[in-house]
């Protein structure tokens, strides 16, 4: 698969905890631009919690902000919840190996 060098950080590892860390550190601009590739990689690896986190991030970053410039809790909380679920899924997957 021909991917950008930054995406190789996601493809170079077989450890779900590395995928989770990569997703949490990846710039949102890359997440937006490469969302199709990222989604495909996560789906191929069976990392559904990573796909859910990706979806939450995309919803958050595309949300209309409130008059004071903040984001509504309805898009902020799902990101935090999906991040926690993703970390837990990564720990569980690695514990099962």
N, C-alpha and C. Protein backbone atom coordinates (compact mmCIF):
# COMPACT_ATOMS: atom_id res chain seq x y z
N UNK A 1 0.85 -1.17 0.00
CA UNK A 1 0.00 0.00 0.00
C UNK A 1 0.90 1.24 0.00
N UNK A 2 0.65 2.16 -0.91
CA UNK A 2 1.42 3.38 -1.02
C UNK A 2 0.74 4.46 -0.18
N UNK A 3 1.37 4.84 0.94
CA UNK A 3 0.78 5.83 1.85
C UNK A 3 1.80 6.92 2.18
N UNK A 4 1.29 8.03 2.67
CA UNK A 4 2.16 9.11 3.12
C UNK A 4 3.05 8.63 4.26
N UNK A 5 4.24 9.22 4.41
CA UNK A 5 5.13 8.81 5.50
C UNK A 5 4.47 8.88 6.89
N UNK A 6 3.66 9.89 7.14
CA UNK A 6 3.04 9.97 8.46
C UNK A 6 2.06 8.81 8.68
N UNK A 7 1.42 8.33 7.64
CA UNK A 7 0.49 7.21 7.75
C UNK A 7 1.25 5.91 8.03
N UNK A 8 2.50 5.84 7.62
CA UNK A 8 3.30 4.65 7.90
C UNK A 8 3.41 4.39 9.40
N UNK A 9 3.30 5.44 10.20
CA UNK A 9 3.28 5.26 11.65
C UNK A 9 2.12 4.39 12.10
N UNK A 10 1.05 4.41 11.35
CA UNK A 10 -0.11 3.58 11.64
C UNK A 10 0.06 2.17 11.08
N UNK A 11 0.73 2.08 9.94
CA UNK A 11 0.86 0.77 9.28
C UNK A 11 2.08 -0.02 9.75
N UNK A 12 3.04 0.63 10.38
CA UNK A 12 4.28 -0.04 10.77
C UNK A 12 4.13 -0.97 11.96
N UNK A 13 3.10 -0.82 12.73
CA UNK A 13 2.94 -1.59 13.95
C UNK A 13 1.76 -2.54 13.86
N UNK A 14 1.86 -3.62 14.59
CA UNK A 14 0.74 -4.56 14.70
C UNK A 14 0.11 -4.49 16.08
N UNK A 15 0.51 -3.51 16.89
CA UNK A 15 0.01 -3.39 18.26
C UNK A 15 -1.12 -2.38 18.33
N UNK A 16 -2.30 -2.81 18.78
CA UNK A 16 -3.42 -1.88 18.90
C UNK A 16 -3.11 -0.65 19.76
N UNK A 17 -2.26 -0.79 20.77
CA UNK A 17 -1.94 0.39 21.58
C UNK A 17 -1.16 1.42 20.76
N UNK A 18 -0.34 0.96 19.82
CA UNK A 18 0.37 1.88 18.94
C UNK A 18 -0.60 2.59 17.99
N UNK A 19 -1.60 1.86 17.52
CA UNK A 19 -2.59 2.47 16.64
C UNK A 19 -3.36 3.55 17.38
N UNK A 20 -3.75 3.23 18.63
CA UNK A 20 -4.49 4.19 19.45
C UNK A 20 -3.65 5.44 19.70
N UNK A 21 -2.38 5.24 20.06
CA UNK A 21 -1.49 6.38 20.31
C UNK A 21 -1.32 7.21 19.04
N UNK A 22 -1.16 6.55 17.92
CA UNK A 22 -1.00 7.26 16.66
C UNK A 22 -2.23 8.12 16.39
N UNK A 23 -3.42 7.54 16.55
CA UNK A 23 -4.66 8.28 16.30
C UNK A 23 -4.78 9.49 17.21
N UNK A 24 -4.39 9.34 18.46
CA UNK A 24 -4.53 10.44 19.41
C UNK A 24 -3.50 11.55 19.18
N UNK A 25 -2.41 11.24 18.49
CA UNK A 25 -1.37 12.24 18.26
C UNK A 25 -1.37 12.82 16.86
N UNK A 26 -2.06 12.18 15.95
CA UNK A 26 -2.06 12.61 14.56
C UNK A 26 -2.73 13.98 14.41
N UNK A 27 -2.13 14.88 13.65
CA UNK A 27 -2.75 16.19 13.43
C UNK A 27 -4.12 16.05 12.77
N UNK A 28 -5.06 16.90 13.17
CA UNK A 28 -6.40 16.84 12.61
C UNK A 28 -6.41 17.07 11.10
N UNK A 29 -5.50 17.87 10.61
CA UNK A 29 -5.42 18.09 9.16
C UNK A 29 -5.14 16.79 8.41
N UNK A 30 -4.28 15.96 8.97
CA UNK A 30 -3.98 14.66 8.36
C UNK A 30 -5.19 13.74 8.50
N UNK A 31 -5.83 13.79 9.67
CA UNK A 31 -7.04 12.98 9.89
C UNK A 31 -8.08 13.31 8.81
N UNK A 32 -8.27 14.59 8.55
CA UNK A 32 -9.26 14.99 7.54
C UNK A 32 -8.84 14.57 6.14
N UNK A 33 -7.62 14.90 5.80
CA UNK A 33 -7.16 14.65 4.43
C UNK A 33 -7.06 13.17 4.11
N UNK A 34 -6.66 12.37 5.08
CA UNK A 34 -6.41 10.95 4.84
C UNK A 34 -7.44 10.04 5.52
N UNK A 35 -8.61 10.59 5.83
CA UNK A 35 -9.60 9.81 6.59
C UNK A 35 -10.00 8.51 5.92
N UNK A 36 -10.08 8.49 4.60
CA UNK A 36 -10.47 7.27 3.90
C UNK A 36 -9.39 6.20 4.06
N UNK A 37 -8.15 6.59 3.89
CA UNK A 37 -7.04 5.64 4.06
C UNK A 37 -6.95 5.15 5.50
N UNK A 38 -7.06 6.07 6.44
CA UNK A 38 -6.99 5.71 7.86
C UNK A 38 -8.12 4.75 8.21
N UNK A 39 -9.31 5.07 7.77
CA UNK A 39 -10.47 4.20 8.05
C UNK A 39 -10.25 2.80 7.47
N UNK A 40 -9.77 2.74 6.24
CA UNK A 40 -9.53 1.45 5.60
C UNK A 40 -8.49 0.62 6.38
N UNK A 41 -7.43 1.24 6.81
CA UNK A 41 -6.40 0.54 7.58
C UNK A 41 -6.98 0.02 8.89
N UNK A 42 -7.71 0.87 9.60
CA UNK A 42 -8.31 0.45 10.87
C UNK A 42 -9.31 -0.68 10.67
N UNK A 43 -10.11 -0.59 9.63
CA UNK A 43 -11.09 -1.65 9.35
C UNK A 43 -10.40 -2.95 8.98
N UNK A 44 -9.34 -2.88 8.18
CA UNK A 44 -8.61 -4.09 7.79
C UNK A 44 -7.99 -4.77 9.01
N UNK A 45 -7.61 -3.98 10.00
CA UNK A 45 -7.00 -4.54 11.20
C UNK A 45 -8.06 -4.93 12.24
N UNK A 46 -9.30 -4.66 11.95
CA UNK A 46 -10.37 -5.02 12.88
C UNK A 46 -10.41 -4.16 14.13
N UNK A 47 -9.94 -2.92 14.01
CA UNK A 47 -9.88 -2.02 15.16
C UNK A 47 -11.08 -1.08 15.13
N UNK A 48 -12.25 -1.65 15.44
CA UNK A 48 -13.50 -0.90 15.40
C UNK A 48 -13.49 0.30 16.35
N UNK A 49 -12.84 0.16 17.49
CA UNK A 49 -12.78 1.27 18.44
C UNK A 49 -12.00 2.45 17.85
N UNK A 50 -11.02 2.15 17.01
CA UNK A 50 -10.28 3.21 16.33
C UNK A 50 -11.14 3.92 15.30
N UNK A 51 -11.98 3.16 14.62
CA UNK A 51 -12.91 3.76 13.64
C UNK A 51 -13.90 4.66 14.36
N UNK A 52 -14.40 4.21 15.51
CA UNK A 52 -15.35 5.03 16.29
C UNK A 52 -14.68 6.32 16.75
N UNK A 53 -13.42 6.24 17.17
CA UNK A 53 -12.68 7.44 17.57
C UNK A 53 -12.49 8.37 16.38
N UNK A 54 -12.14 7.81 15.23
CA UNK A 54 -11.99 8.61 14.01
C UNK A 54 -13.28 9.34 13.70
N UNK A 55 -14.41 8.64 13.77
CA UNK A 55 -15.71 9.27 13.52
C UNK A 55 -16.00 10.40 14.50
N UNK A 56 -15.69 10.16 15.78
CA UNK A 56 -15.93 11.19 16.79
C UNK A 56 -15.05 12.42 16.53
N UNK A 57 -13.80 12.20 16.16
CA UNK A 57 -12.91 13.33 15.85
C UNK A 57 -13.41 14.13 14.66
N UNK A 58 -13.87 13.43 13.64
CA UNK A 58 -14.37 14.13 12.46
C UNK A 58 -15.62 14.93 12.78
N UNK A 59 -16.51 14.37 13.58
CA UNK A 59 -17.71 15.11 13.99
C UNK A 59 -17.34 16.34 14.79
N UNK A 60 -16.38 16.18 15.70
CA UNK A 60 -15.92 17.29 16.53
C UNK A 60 -15.33 18.41 15.67
N UNK A 61 -14.42 18.04 14.80
CA UNK A 61 -13.71 19.06 14.04
C UNK A 61 -14.56 19.72 12.97
N UNK A 62 -15.69 19.12 12.64
CA UNK A 62 -16.60 19.72 11.67
C UNK A 62 -17.80 20.40 12.32
N UNK A 63 -17.86 20.39 13.64
CA UNK A 63 -19.02 20.94 14.35
C UNK A 63 -19.02 22.47 14.30
N UNK A 64 -20.20 23.02 14.29
CA UNK A 64 -20.37 24.46 14.41
C UNK A 64 -20.10 24.84 15.86
N UNK A 65 -19.25 25.83 16.04
CA UNK A 65 -18.92 26.25 17.39
C UNK A 65 -20.00 27.15 17.97
N UNK A 66 -19.99 27.24 19.27
CA UNK A 66 -20.94 28.09 20.00
C UNK A 66 -20.54 29.56 19.83
N UNK A 67 -21.42 30.49 20.19
CA UNK A 67 -21.10 31.91 20.02
C UNK A 67 -19.81 32.35 20.72
N UNK A 68 -19.43 31.67 21.80
CA UNK A 68 -18.19 32.05 22.49
C UNK A 68 -16.96 31.35 21.92
N UNK A 69 -17.13 30.60 20.84
CA UNK A 69 -16.01 29.95 20.17
C UNK A 69 -15.71 28.55 20.65
N UNK A 70 -16.38 28.10 21.69
CA UNK A 70 -16.15 26.75 22.20
C UNK A 70 -16.98 25.74 21.42
N UNK A 71 -16.65 24.49 21.61
CA UNK A 71 -17.40 23.42 20.96
C UNK A 71 -18.48 22.92 21.89
N UNK A 72 -19.62 22.51 21.35
CA UNK A 72 -20.69 21.99 22.19
C UNK A 72 -20.26 20.68 22.86
N UNK A 73 -20.74 20.48 24.06
CA UNK A 73 -20.43 19.25 24.79
C UNK A 73 -20.88 18.02 24.01
N UNK A 74 -21.89 18.17 23.17
CA UNK A 74 -22.40 17.04 22.40
C UNK A 74 -21.40 16.50 21.37
N UNK A 75 -20.36 17.27 21.07
CA UNK A 75 -19.31 16.77 20.19
C UNK A 75 -17.99 16.57 20.92
N UNK A 76 -17.83 17.24 22.06
CA UNK A 76 -16.60 17.09 22.84
C UNK A 76 -16.62 15.78 23.62
N UNK A 77 -17.70 15.52 24.31
CA UNK A 77 -17.78 14.32 25.15
C UNK A 77 -17.63 13.02 24.34
N UNK A 78 -18.25 12.90 23.18
CA UNK A 78 -18.04 11.67 22.41
C UNK A 78 -16.58 11.40 22.04
N UNK A 79 -15.81 12.46 21.83
CA UNK A 79 -14.38 12.27 21.54
C UNK A 79 -13.69 11.66 22.75
N UNK A 80 -13.95 12.22 23.93
CA UNK A 80 -13.33 11.70 25.15
C UNK A 80 -13.78 10.26 25.44
N UNK A 81 -15.05 10.01 25.24
CA UNK A 81 -15.58 8.66 25.48
C UNK A 81 -15.00 7.66 24.47
N UNK A 82 -14.92 8.05 23.22
CA UNK A 82 -14.35 7.17 22.20
C UNK A 82 -12.87 6.93 22.43
N UNK A 83 -12.15 7.95 22.91
CA UNK A 83 -10.72 7.78 23.21
C UNK A 83 -10.54 6.76 24.33
N UNK A 84 -11.35 6.87 25.37
CA UNK A 84 -11.26 5.92 26.47
C UNK A 84 -11.60 4.51 26.02
N UNK A 85 -12.65 4.37 25.23
CA UNK A 85 -13.04 3.05 24.71
C UNK A 85 -11.96 2.48 23.80
N UNK A 86 -11.33 3.33 23.03
CA UNK A 86 -10.27 2.89 22.14
C UNK A 86 -9.06 2.39 22.93
N UNK A 87 -8.67 3.14 23.94
CA UNK A 87 -7.54 2.71 24.79
C UNK A 87 -7.85 1.38 25.47
N UNK A 88 -9.07 1.24 25.96
CA UNK A 88 -9.48 0.00 26.63
C UNK A 88 -9.48 -1.17 25.64
N UNK A 89 -9.99 -0.95 24.43
CA UNK A 89 -10.00 -2.00 23.41
C UNK A 89 -8.57 -2.41 23.04
N UNK A 90 -7.67 -1.44 22.97
CA UNK A 90 -6.27 -1.75 22.66
C UNK A 90 -5.65 -2.60 23.76
N UNK A 91 -5.90 -2.22 25.01
CA UNK A 91 -5.36 -3.01 26.15
C UNK A 91 -5.93 -4.42 26.13
N UNK A 92 -7.22 -4.54 25.88
CA UNK A 92 -7.87 -5.85 25.86
C UNK A 92 -7.31 -6.71 24.73
N UNK A 93 -7.12 -6.12 23.55
CA UNK A 93 -6.60 -6.87 22.40
C UNK A 93 -5.19 -7.36 22.67
N UNK A 94 -4.38 -6.54 23.30
CA UNK A 94 -3.00 -6.93 23.57
C UNK A 94 -2.93 -7.94 24.71
N UNK A 95 -3.89 -7.89 25.63
CA UNK A 95 -3.93 -8.85 26.71
C UNK A 95 -4.38 -10.22 26.24
N UNK A 96 -5.09 -10.26 25.12
CA UNK A 96 -5.61 -11.53 24.58
C UNK A 96 -4.56 -12.25 23.76
N UNK A 97 -3.49 -11.55 23.40
CA UNK A 97 -2.46 -12.16 22.52
C UNK A 97 -1.56 -13.08 23.30
